[in-house]
PDB file of N, CA and C in Angstrom:
ATOM      1  N   UNK A   1       0.837  -1.177   0.000  1.00  0.00           N
ATOM      2  CA  UNK A   1       0.000   0.000   0.000  1.00  0.00           C
ATOM      3  C   UNK A   1       0.887   1.247   0.000  1.00  0.00           C
ATOM      4  N   UNK A   2       0.644   2.170  -0.909  1.00  0.00           N
ATOM      5  CA  UNK A   2       1.442   3.398  -0.937  1.00  0.00           C
ATOM      6  C   UNK A   2       0.976   4.390   0.129  1.00  0.00           C
ATOM      7  N   UNK A   3       1.938   4.990   0.804  1.00  0.00           N
ATOM      8  CA  UNK A   3       1.654   5.982   1.843  1.00  0.00           C
ATOM      9  C   UNK A   3       2.582   7.173   1.620  1.00  0.00           C
ATOM     10  N   UNK A   4       1.997   8.362   1.568  1.00  0.00           N
ATOM     11  CA  UNK A   4       2.797   9.577   1.522  1.00  0.00           C
ATOM     12  C   UNK A   4       3.074  10.022   2.947  1.00  0.00           C
ATOM     13  N   UNK A   5       4.331  10.373   3.223  1.00  0.00           N
ATOM     14  CA  UNK A   5       4.701  10.898   4.527  1.00  0.00           C
ATOM     15  C   UNK A   5       5.252  12.300   4.301  1.00  0.00           C
ATOM     16  N   UNK A   6       4.571  13.277   4.857  1.00  0.00           N
ATOM     17  CA  UNK A   6       4.995  14.671   4.753  1.00  0.00           C
ATOM     18  C   UNK A   6       5.370  15.146   6.155  1.00  0.00           C
ATOM     19  N   UNK A   7       6.467  15.887   6.246  1.00  0.00           N
ATOM     20  CA  UNK A   7       6.899  16.337   7.557  1.00  0.00           C
ATOM     21  C   UNK A   7       7.415  17.765   7.504  1.00  0.00           C
ATOM     22  N   UNK A   8       7.284  18.432   8.636  1.00  0.00           N
ATOM     23  CA  UNK A   8       7.804  19.778   8.830  1.00  0.00           C
ATOM     24  C   UNK A   8       8.430  19.792  10.207  1.00  0.00           C
ATOM     25  N   UNK A   9       9.750  19.713  10.246  1.00  0.00           N
ATOM     26  CA  UNK A   9      10.485  19.621  11.502  1.00  0.00           C
ATOM     27  C   UNK A   9      11.524  20.735  11.517  1.00  0.00           C
ATOM     28  N   UNK A  10      11.513  21.551  12.557  1.00  0.00           N
ATOM     29  CA  UNK A  10      12.403  22.704  12.602  1.00  0.00           C
ATOM     30  C   UNK A  10      13.852  22.336  12.946  1.00  0.00           C
ATOM     31  N   UNK A  11      14.067  21.299  13.721  1.00  0.00           N
ATOM     32  CA  UNK A  11      15.416  20.898  14.132  1.00  0.00           C
ATOM     33  C   UNK A  11      16.090  20.078  13.027  1.00  0.00           C
ATOM     34  N   UNK A  12      17.230  20.565  12.530  1.00  0.00           N
ATOM     35  CA  UNK A  12      17.917  19.923  11.407  1.00  0.00           C
ATOM     36  C   UNK A  12      18.339  18.490  11.724  1.00  0.00           C
ATOM     37  N   UNK A  13      18.896  18.248  12.903  1.00  0.00           N
ATOM     38  CA  UNK A  13      19.352  16.893  13.255  1.00  0.00           C
ATOM     39  C   UNK A  13      18.177  15.921  13.324  1.00  0.00           C
ATOM     40  N   UNK A  14      17.089  16.367  13.893  1.00  0.00           N
ATOM     41  CA  UNK A  14      15.902  15.509  14.003  1.00  0.00           C
ATOM     42  C   UNK A  14      15.293  15.249  12.628  1.00  0.00           C
ATOM     43  N   UNK A  15      15.269  16.278  11.785  1.00  0.00           N
ATOM     44  CA  UNK A  15      14.760  16.148  10.423  1.00  0.00           C
ATOM     45  C   UNK A  15      15.598  15.132   9.643  1.00  0.00           C
ATOM     46  N   UNK A  16      16.922  15.191   9.783  1.00  0.00           N
ATOM     47  CA  UNK A  16      17.795  14.233   9.102  1.00  0.00           C
ATOM     48  C   UNK A  16      17.606  12.813   9.625  1.00  0.00           C
ATOM     49  N   UNK A  17      17.345  12.692  10.907  1.00  0.00           N
ATOM     50  CA  UNK A  17      17.087  11.377  11.499  1.00  0.00           C
ATOM     51  C   UNK A  17      15.817  10.759  10.897  1.00  0.00           C
ATOM     52  N   UNK A  18      14.765  11.569  10.782  1.00  0.00           N
ATOM     53  CA  UNK A  18      13.523  11.066  10.189  1.00  0.00           C
ATOM     54  C   UNK A  18      13.736  10.722   8.716  1.00  0.00           C
ATOM     55  N   UNK A  19      14.497  11.539   8.014  1.00  0.00           N
ATOM     56  CA  UNK A  19      14.777  11.268   6.601  1.00  0.00           C
ATOM     57  C   UNK A  19      15.463   9.912   6.428  1.00  0.00           C
ATOM     58  N   UNK A  20      16.449   9.622   7.277  1.00  0.00           N
ATOM     59  CA  UNK A  20      17.139   8.324   7.213  1.00  0.00           C
ATOM     60  C   UNK A  20      16.167   7.183   7.503  1.00  0.00           C
ATOM     61  N   UNK A  21      15.280   7.380   8.468  1.00  0.00           N
ATOM     62  CA  UNK A  21      14.280   6.359   8.786  1.00  0.00           C
ATOM     63  C   UNK A  21      13.390   6.103   7.571  1.00  0.00           C
ATOM     64  N   UNK A  22      12.924   7.171   6.924  1.00  0.00           N
ATOM     65  CA  UNK A  22      12.014   7.026   5.791  1.00  0.00           C
ATOM     66  C   UNK A  22      12.698   6.421   4.568  1.00  0.00           C
ATOM     67  N   UNK A  23      14.000   6.645   4.403  1.00  0.00           N
ATOM     68  CA  UNK A  23      14.720   6.058   3.273  1.00  0.00           C
ATOM     69  C   UNK A  23      14.686   4.533   3.324  1.00  0.00           C
ATOM     70  N   UNK A  24      14.478   3.974   4.496  1.00  0.00           N
ATOM     71  CA  UNK A  24      14.365   2.530   4.634  1.00  0.00           C
ATOM     72  C   UNK A  24      13.032   1.984   4.155  1.00  0.00           C
ATOM     73  N   UNK A  25      12.071   2.863   3.906  1.00  0.00           N
ATOM     74  CA  UNK A  25      10.733   2.422   3.523  1.00  0.00           C
ATOM     75  C   UNK A  25      10.268   2.955   2.174  1.00  0.00           C
ATOM     76  N   UNK A  26      10.955   3.940   1.643  1.00  0.00           N
ATOM     77  CA  UNK A  26      10.492   4.520   0.388  1.00  0.00           C
ATOM     78  C   UNK A  26      11.504   5.464  -0.207  1.00  0.00           C
ATOM     79  N   UNK A  27      10.994   6.379  -1.008  1.00  0.00           N
ATOM     80  CA  UNK A  27      11.868   7.310  -1.706  1.00  0.00           C
ATOM     81  C   UNK A  27      11.311   8.726  -1.606  1.00  0.00           C
ATOM     82  N   UNK A  28      12.206   9.718  -1.620  1.00  0.00           N
ATOM     83  CA  UNK A  28      11.736  11.093  -1.533  1.00  0.00           C
ATOM     84  C   UNK A  28      11.033  11.516  -2.813  1.00  0.00           C
ATOM     85  N   UNK A  29       9.937  12.235  -2.655  1.00  0.00           N
ATOM     86  CA  UNK A  29       9.187  12.776  -3.779  1.00  0.00           C
ATOM     87  C   UNK A  29       9.485  14.270  -3.895  1.00  0.00           C
ATOM     88  N   UNK A  30       9.565  14.931  -2.769  1.00  0.00           N
ATOM     89  CA  UNK A  30       9.977  16.323  -2.656  1.00  0.00           C
ATOM     90  C   UNK A  30      10.881  16.418  -1.438  1.00  0.00           C
ATOM     91  N   UNK A  31      11.312  17.617  -1.108  1.00  0.00           N
ATOM     92  CA  UNK A  31      12.272  17.774  -0.019  1.00  0.00           C
ATOM     93  C   UNK A  31      11.788  17.182   1.304  1.00  0.00           C
ATOM     94  N   UNK A  32      10.535  17.355   1.626  1.00  0.00           N
ATOM     95  CA  UNK A  32      10.031  16.821   2.897  1.00  0.00           C
ATOM     96  C   UNK A  32       8.785  15.950   2.699  1.00  0.00           C
ATOM     97  N   UNK A  33       8.741  15.255   1.578  1.00  0.00           N
ATOM     98  CA  UNK A  33       7.646  14.327   1.281  1.00  0.00           C
ATOM     99  C   UNK A  33       8.249  13.021   0.759  1.00  0.00           C
ATOM    100  N   UNK A  34       7.828  11.922   1.334  1.00  0.00           N
ATOM    101  CA  UNK A  34       8.290  10.600   0.915  1.00  0.00           C
ATOM    102  C   UNK A  34       7.099   9.773   0.456  1.00  0.00           C
ATOM    103  N   UNK A  35       7.356   8.884  -0.490  1.00  0.00           N
ATOM    104  CA  UNK A  35       6.386   7.877  -0.891  1.00  0.00           C
ATOM    105  C   UNK A  35       6.914   6.544  -0.387  1.00  0.00           C
ATOM    106  N   UNK A  36       6.166   5.920   0.508  1.00  0.00           N
ATOM    107  CA  UNK A  36       6.580   4.654   1.105  1.00  0.00           C
ATOM    108  C   UNK A  36       5.611   3.556   0.674  1.00  0.00           C
ATOM    109  N   UNK A  37       6.169   2.392   0.388  1.00  0.00           N
ATOM    110  CA  UNK A  37       5.366   1.213   0.044  1.00  0.00           C
ATOM    111  C   UNK A  37       5.409   0.268   1.228  1.00  0.00           C
ATOM    112  N   UNK A  38       4.236   0.020   1.815  1.00  0.00           N
ATOM    113  CA  UNK A  38       4.168  -0.760   3.047  1.00  0.00           C
ATOM    114  C   UNK A  38       3.204  -1.924   2.904  1.00  0.00           C
ATOM    115  N   UNK A  39       3.728  -3.143   3.062  1.00  0.00           N
ATOM    116  CA  UNK A  39       2.838  -4.289   3.189  1.00  0.00           C
ATOM    117  C   UNK A  39       2.538  -4.428   4.690  1.00  0.00           C
ATOM    118  N   UNK A  40       1.827  -5.455   5.080  1.00  0.00           N
ATOM    119  CA  UNK A  40       1.405  -5.585   6.479  1.00  0.00           C
ATOM    120  C   UNK A  40       2.596  -5.638   7.438  1.00  0.00           C
ATOM    121  N   UNK A  41       3.620  -6.386   7.097  1.00  0.00           N
ATOM    122  CA  UNK A  41       4.792  -6.523   7.959  1.00  0.00           C
ATOM    123  C   UNK A  41       5.557  -5.210   8.053  1.00  0.00           C
ATOM    124  N   UNK A  42       5.807  -4.594   6.902  1.00  0.00           N
ATOM    125  CA  UNK A  42       6.526  -3.314   6.881  1.00  0.00           C
ATOM    126  C   UNK A  42       5.707  -2.216   7.561  1.00  0.00           C
ATOM    127  N   UNK A  43       4.388  -2.279   7.461  1.00  0.00           N
ATOM    128  CA  UNK A  43       3.528  -1.286   8.116  1.00  0.00           C
ATOM    129  C   UNK A  43       3.703  -1.341   9.623  1.00  0.00           C
ATOM    130  N   UNK A  44       3.744  -2.546  10.178  1.00  0.00           N
ATOM    131  CA  UNK A  44       3.923  -2.687  11.622  1.00  0.00           C
ATOM    132  C   UNK A  44       5.276  -2.133  12.061  1.00  0.00           C
ATOM    133  N   UNK A  45       6.315  -2.466  11.317  1.00  0.00           N
ATOM    134  CA  UNK A  45       7.660  -1.976  11.647  1.00  0.00           C
ATOM    135  C   UNK A  45       7.714  -0.455  11.520  1.00  0.00           C
ATOM    136  N   UNK A  46       7.132   0.062  10.437  1.00  0.00           N
ATOM    137  CA  UNK A  46       7.100   1.502  10.205  1.00  0.00           C
ATOM    138  C   UNK A  46       6.384   2.222  11.352  1.00  0.00           C
ATOM    139  N   UNK A  47       5.219   1.722  11.734  1.00  0.00           N
ATOM    140  CA  UNK A  47       4.449   2.329  12.828  1.00  0.00           C
ATOM    141  C   UNK A  47       5.241   2.330  14.131  1.00  0.00           C
ATOM    142  N   UNK A  48       5.909   1.225  14.410  1.00  0.00           N
ATOM    143  CA  UNK A  48       6.699   1.114  15.642  1.00  0.00           C
ATOM    144  C   UNK A  48       7.855   2.114  15.649  1.00  0.00           C
ATOM    145  N   UNK A  49       8.600   2.196  14.528  1.00  0.00           N
ATOM    146  CA  UNK A  49       9.738   3.114  14.457  1.00  0.00           C
ATOM    147  C   UNK A  49       9.288   4.573  14.490  1.00  0.00           C
ATOM    148  N   UNK A  50       8.207   4.885  13.798  1.00  0.00           N
ATOM    149  CA  UNK A  50       7.715   6.259  13.788  1.00  0.00           C
ATOM    150  C   UNK A  50       7.203   6.660  15.173  1.00  0.00           C
ATOM    151  N   UNK A  51       6.540   5.750  15.856  1.00  0.00           N
ATOM    152  CA  UNK A  51       6.066   6.026  17.211  1.00  0.00           C
ATOM    153  C   UNK A  51       7.247   6.283  18.146  1.00  0.00           C
ATOM    154  N   UNK A  52       8.292   5.474  18.027  1.00  0.00           N
ATOM    155  CA  UNK A  52       9.505   5.671  18.835  1.00  0.00           C
ATOM    156  C   UNK A  52      10.130   7.021  18.522  1.00  0.00           C
ATOM    157  N   UNK A  53      10.206   7.372  17.245  1.00  0.00           N
ATOM    158  CA  UNK A  53      10.770   8.660  16.841  1.00  0.00           C
ATOM    159  C   UNK A  53       9.972   9.815  17.445  1.00  0.00           C
ATOM    160  N   UNK A  54       8.662   9.736  17.392  1.00  0.00           N
ATOM    161  CA  UNK A  54       7.821  10.814  17.914  1.00  0.00           C
ATOM    162  C   UNK A  54       7.969  10.993  19.420  1.00  0.00           C
ATOM    163  N   UNK A  55       8.275   9.915  20.127  1.00  0.00           N
ATOM    164  CA  UNK A  55       8.401   9.981  21.586  1.00  0.00           C
ATOM    165  C   UNK A  55       9.741  10.543  22.049  1.00  0.00           C
ATOM    166  N   UNK A  56      10.727  10.578  21.164  1.00  0.00           N
ATOM    167  CA  UNK A  56      12.029  11.112  21.555  1.00  0.00           C
ATOM    168  C   UNK A  56      11.889  12.582  21.932  1.00  0.00           C
ATOM    169  N   UNK A  57      12.610  13.012  22.975  1.00  0.00           N
ATOM    170  CA  UNK A  57      12.507  14.419  23.368  1.00  0.00           C
ATOM    171  C   UNK A  57      13.033  15.328  22.258  1.00  0.00           C
ATOM    172  N   UNK A  58      12.364  16.452  22.082  1.00  0.00           N
ATOM    173  CA  UNK A  58      12.780  17.404  21.050  1.00  0.00           C
ATOM    174  C   UNK A  58      12.314  18.806  21.412  1.00  0.00           C
ATOM    175  N   UNK A  59      12.950  19.778  20.782  1.00  0.00           N
ATOM    176  CA  UNK A  59      12.555  21.167  20.959  1.00  0.00           C
ATOM    177  C   UNK A  59      11.992  21.674  19.635  1.00  0.00           C
ATOM    178  N   UNK A  60      11.194  22.682  19.713  1.00  0.00           N
ATOM    179  CA  UNK A  60      10.632  23.244  18.491  1.00  0.00           C
ATOM    180  C   UNK A  60       9.367  22.524  18.065  1.00  0.00           C
ATOM    181  N   UNK A  61       8.778  23.077  17.032  1.00  0.00           N
ATOM    182  CA  UNK A  61       7.536  22.506  16.503  1.00  0.00           C
ATOM    183  C   UNK A  61       7.831  21.475  15.438  1.00  0.00           C
ATOM    184  N   UNK A  62       6.953  20.506  15.314  1.00  0.00           N
ATOM    185  CA  UNK A  62       7.087  19.537  14.233  1.00  0.00           C
ATOM    186  C   UNK A  62       5.724  18.968  13.888  1.00  0.00           C
ATOM    187  N   UNK A  63       5.649  18.516  12.654  1.00  0.00           N
ATOM    188  CA  UNK A  63       4.420  17.885  12.182  1.00  0.00           C
ATOM    189  C   UNK A  63       4.812  16.774  11.229  1.00  0.00           C
ATOM    190  N   UNK A  64       4.219  15.601  11.437  1.00  0.00           N
ATOM    191  CA  UNK A  64       4.449  14.444  10.570  1.00  0.00           C
ATOM    192  C   UNK A  64       3.077  13.895  10.207  1.00  0.00           C
ATOM    193  N   UNK A  65       2.787  13.871   8.914  1.00  0.00           N
ATOM    194  CA  UNK A  65       1.501  13.367   8.439  1.00  0.00           C
ATOM    195  C   UNK A  65       1.719  12.175   7.527  1.00  0.00           C
ATOM    196  N   UNK A  66       0.961  11.122   7.748  1.00  0.00           N
ATOM    197  CA  UNK A  66       0.976   9.938   6.888  1.00  0.00           C
ATOM    198  C   UNK A  66      -0.371   9.880   6.166  1.00  0.00           C
ATOM    199  N   UNK A  67      -0.314   9.903   4.847  1.00  0.00           N
ATOM    200  CA  UNK A  67      -1.521   9.954   4.032  1.00  0.00           C
ATOM    201  C   UNK A  67      -1.532   8.759   3.097  1.00  0.00           C
ATOM    202  N   UNK A  68      -2.521   7.915   3.240  1.00  0.00           N
ATOM    203  CA  UNK A  68      -2.634   6.750   2.364  1.00  0.00           C
ATOM    204  C   UNK A  68      -3.045   7.195   0.971  1.00  0.00           C
ATOM    205  N   UNK A  69      -2.343   6.665  -0.017  1.00  0.00           N
ATOM    206  CA  UNK A  69      -2.683   6.946  -1.413  1.00  0.00           C
ATOM    207  C   UNK A  69      -3.481   5.764  -1.955  1.00  0.00           C
ATOM    208  N   UNK A  70      -4.278   6.025  -2.980  1.00  0.00           N
ATOM    209  CA  UNK A  70      -4.971   4.911  -3.631  1.00  0.00           C
ATOM    210  C   UNK A  70      -3.915   4.011  -4.262  1.00  0.00           C
ATOM    211  N   UNK A  71      -4.108   2.718  -4.167  1.00  0.00           N
ATOM    212  CA  UNK A  71      -3.134   1.756  -4.681  1.00  0.00           C
ATOM    213  C   UNK A  71      -2.887   1.924  -6.173  1.00  0.00           C
ATOM    214  N   UNK A  72      -3.893   2.341  -6.930  1.00  0.00           N
ATOM    215  CA  UNK A  72      -3.717   2.465  -8.370  1.00  0.00           C
ATOM    216  C   UNK A  72      -3.239   3.851  -8.805  1.00  0.00           C
ATOM    217  N   UNK A  73      -2.998   4.759  -7.848  1.00  0.00           N
ATOM    218  CA  UNK A  73      -2.600   6.114  -8.201  1.00  0.00           C
ATOM    219  C   UNK A  73      -1.097   6.246  -8.424  1.00  0.00           C
ATOM    220  N   UNK A  74      -0.329   5.292  -7.918  1.00  0.00           N
ATOM    221  CA  UNK A  74       1.125   5.345  -8.015  1.00  0.00           C
ATOM    222  C   UNK A  74       1.626   3.985  -8.466  1.00  0.00           C
ATOM    223  N   UNK A  75       2.514   3.937  -9.474  1.00  0.00           N
ATOM    224  CA  UNK A  75       3.023   2.631  -9.890  1.00  0.00           C
ATOM    225  C   UNK A  75       3.876   2.009  -8.785  1.00  0.00           C
ATOM    226  N   UNK A  76       3.778   0.696  -8.604  1.00  0.00           N
ATOM    227  CA  UNK A  76       4.587   0.042  -7.576  1.00  0.00           C
ATOM    228  C   UNK A  76       6.061   0.096  -7.939  1.00  0.00           C
ATOM    229  N   UNK A  77       6.928   0.031  -6.939  1.00  0.00           N
ATOM    230  CA  UNK A  77       8.364   0.065  -7.211  1.00  0.00           C
ATOM    231  C   UNK A  77       8.807  -1.189  -7.960  1.00  0.00           C
ATOM    232  N   UNK A  78       9.867  -1.054  -8.722  1.00  0.00           N
ATOM    233  CA  UNK A  78      10.402  -2.193  -9.479  1.00  0.00           C
ATOM    234  C   UNK A  78      10.962  -3.222  -8.500  1.00  0.00           C
ATOM    235  N   UNK A  79      10.616  -4.463  -8.722  1.00  0.00           N
ATOM    236  CA  UNK A  79      11.125  -5.550  -7.874  1.00  0.00           C
ATOM    237  C   UNK A  79      12.347  -6.217  -8.511  1.00  0.00           C
ATOM    238  N   UNK A  80      12.465  -6.091  -9.816  1.00  0.00           N
ATOM    239  CA  UNK A  80      13.573  -6.736 -10.525  1.00  0.00           C
ATOM    240  C   UNK A  80      14.167  -5.743 -11.513  1.00  0.00           C
ATOM    241  N   UNK A  81      15.453  -5.916 -11.753  1.00  0.00           N
ATOM    242  CA  UNK A  81      16.143  -5.085 -12.746  1.00  0.00           C
ATOM    243  C   UNK A  81      16.579  -5.971 -13.895  1.00  0.00           C
ATOM    244  N   UNK A  82      16.389  -5.499 -15.104  1.00  0.00           N
ATOM    245  CA  UNK A  82      16.829  -6.232 -16.289  1.00  0.00           C
ATOM    246  C   UNK A  82      17.942  -5.428 -16.925  1.00  0.00           C
ATOM    247  N   UNK A  83      19.100  -6.048 -17.042  1.00  0.00           N
ATOM    248  CA  UNK A  83      20.256  -5.381 -17.649  1.00  0.00           C
ATOM    249  C   UNK A  83      20.581  -6.093 -18.941  1.00  0.00           C
ATOM    250  N   UNK A  84      20.593  -5.349 -20.005  1.00  0.00           N
ATOM    251  CA  UNK A  84      20.897  -5.939 -21.307  1.00  0.00           C
ATOM    252  C   UNK A  84      22.256  -5.528 -21.781  1.00  0.00           C
TER     253      UNK A  84
END
């Protein structure tokens, strides 16, 4: 299932930490928007890691939104590469 994750985090170190976390689940679409592909297992792991991230102490304002996309609105990522 495709999920868009958009974030606005004022602290640079915290923003970079979230970016590294999201790179494990998807790819950047814009500077602070990621497209993540999550099956049931990856969804559970993603939820757990994001919840842990949100609980870490931080200063400043932040917002993290996860928006489910329609499955047919975005092509699925390539599972295999063909090199000729």
